[in-house]
Amino acid sequence: MNTRDFIITKILELSRKKYPDAAIYLYGSRARGDAKPLSDWDLLILLNSKNIHFALETKI
C-alpha cells in the first residue's frame, strides 16, 4: 500500500468510527492522481444535518 492509499484508508476508518453514516468524497488533484508533494487533501464530508449540533458543525 502506498502512502496515498494509507492516508485515505486511515481517514475513512477514523471518520466511519465517529460518523458511521457519513458520505466522504475525495476530490481535486489527489483524486485525479496529479497532486504535487505539497498538495492539500480536498475532502467533502456529508452528514445527516438533522442530527448535528451547531458546536459539532463548527468543530468539523
C-alpha atoms as a PDB file:
ATOM      1  CA  MET A   1       0.000   0.000   0.000  1.00  0.00           C
ATOM      2  CA  ASN A   2       1.436   3.370  -0.969  1.00  0.00           C
ATOM      3  CA  THR A   3       1.309   6.494   1.215  1.00  0.00           C
ATOM      4  CA  ARG A   4      -1.725   7.964  -0.584  1.00  0.00           C
ATOM      5  CA  ASP A   5      -3.760   4.789  -0.132  1.00  0.00           C
ATOM      6  CA  PHE A   6      -2.681   4.516   3.514  1.00  0.00           C
ATOM      7  CA  ILE A   7      -3.802   8.083   4.257  1.00  0.00           C
ATOM      8  CA  ILE A   8      -7.143   7.596   2.512  1.00  0.00           C
ATOM      9  CA  THR A   9      -7.731   4.337   4.392  1.00  0.00           C
ATOM     10  CA  LYS A  10      -6.967   5.978   7.750  1.00  0.00           C
ATOM     11  CA  ILE A  11      -9.232   8.953   7.026  1.00  0.00           C
ATOM     12  CA  LEU A  12     -12.073   6.593   6.135  1.00  0.00           C
ATOM     13  CA  GLU A  13     -11.503   4.373   9.195  1.00  0.00           C
ATOM     14  CA  LEU A  14     -11.468   7.285  11.642  1.00  0.00           C
ATOM     15  CA  SER A  15     -14.405   9.032  10.010  1.00  0.00           C
ATOM     16  CA  ARG A  16     -16.523   5.885   9.944  1.00  0.00           C
ATOM     17  CA  LYS A  17     -15.869   5.280  13.658  1.00  0.00           C
ATOM     18  CA  LYS A  18     -17.010   8.772  14.596  1.00  0.00           C
ATOM     19  CA  TYR A  19     -19.685   9.285  11.908  1.00  0.00           C
ATOM     20  CA  PRO A  20     -20.797   5.884  10.558  1.00  0.00           C
ATOM     21  CA  ASP A  21     -23.485   7.361   8.289  1.00  0.00           C
ATOM     22  CA  ALA A  22     -21.222   9.953   6.690  1.00  0.00           C
ATOM     23  CA  ALA A  23     -20.557  10.072   2.969  1.00  0.00           C
ATOM     24  CA  ILE A  24     -16.921  11.000   2.341  1.00  0.00           C
ATOM     25  CA  TYR A  25     -15.600  12.147  -1.021  1.00  0.00           C
ATOM     26  CA  LEU A  26     -12.046  12.899  -2.096  1.00  0.00           C
ATOM     27  CA  TYR A  27     -11.829  15.412  -4.935  1.00  0.00           C
ATOM     28  CA  GLY A  28      -9.266  17.664  -6.552  1.00  0.00           C
ATOM     29  CA  SER A  29      -5.717  16.836  -7.567  1.00  0.00           C
ATOM     30  CA  ARG A  30      -5.347  13.913  -5.150  1.00  0.00           C
ATOM     31  CA  ALA A  31      -8.479  12.252  -6.526  1.00  0.00           C
ATOM     32  CA  ARG A  32      -7.327  12.848 -10.100  1.00  0.00           C
ATOM     33  CA  GLY A  33      -3.863  11.493  -9.327  1.00  0.00           C
ATOM     34  CA  ASP A  34      -1.968  14.597 -10.415  1.00  0.00           C
ATOM     35  CA  ALA A  35      -1.144  16.006  -6.957  1.00  0.00           C
ATOM     36  CA  LYS A  36       2.217  17.526  -6.162  1.00  0.00           C
ATOM     37  CA  PRO A  37       4.094  16.598  -2.945  1.00  0.00           C
ATOM     38  CA  LEU A  38       2.698  19.648  -1.110  1.00  0.00           C
ATOM     39  CA  SER A  39      -0.854  19.421  -2.476  1.00  0.00           C
ATOM     40  CA  ASP A  40      -3.641  19.575   0.061  1.00  0.00           C
ATOM     41  CA  TRP A  41      -6.365  16.983   0.606  1.00  0.00           C
ATOM     42  CA  ASP A  42      -9.792  18.090  -0.590  1.00  0.00           C
ATOM     43  CA  LEU A  43     -12.493  16.186   1.286  1.00  0.00           C
ATOM     44  CA  LEU A  44     -16.242  16.590   1.231  1.00  0.00           C
ATOM     45  CA  ILE A  45     -17.935  15.036   4.254  1.00  0.00           C
ATOM     46  CA  LEU A  46     -21.724  14.854   4.195  1.00  0.00           C
ATOM     47  CA  LEU A  47     -23.523  14.244   7.479  1.00  0.00           C
ATOM     48  CA  ASN A  48     -27.194  13.996   8.367  1.00  0.00           C
ATOM     49  CA  SER A  49     -27.837  17.628   9.279  1.00  0.00           C
ATOM     50  CA  LYS A  50     -30.884  16.757  11.393  1.00  0.00           C
ATOM     51  CA  ASN A  51     -28.603  15.166  13.968  1.00  0.00           C
ATOM     52  CA  ILE A  52     -25.786  17.704  14.072  1.00  0.00           C
ATOM     53  CA  HIS A  53     -25.483  20.266  16.808  1.00  0.00           C
ATOM     54  CA  PHE A  54     -24.072  23.687  15.827  1.00  0.00           C
ATOM     55  CA  ALA A  55     -20.977  23.184  18.009  1.00  0.00           C
ATOM     56  CA  LEU A  56     -20.190  19.994  16.123  1.00  0.00           C
ATOM     57  CA  GLU A  57     -20.613  21.762  12.776  1.00  0.00           C
ATOM     58  CA  THR A  58     -18.089  24.363  13.898  1.00  0.00           C
ATOM     59  CA  LYS A  59     -15.664  21.686  15.078  1.00  0.00           C
ATOM     60  CA  ILE A  60     -15.846  19.872  11.761  1.00  0.00           C
END
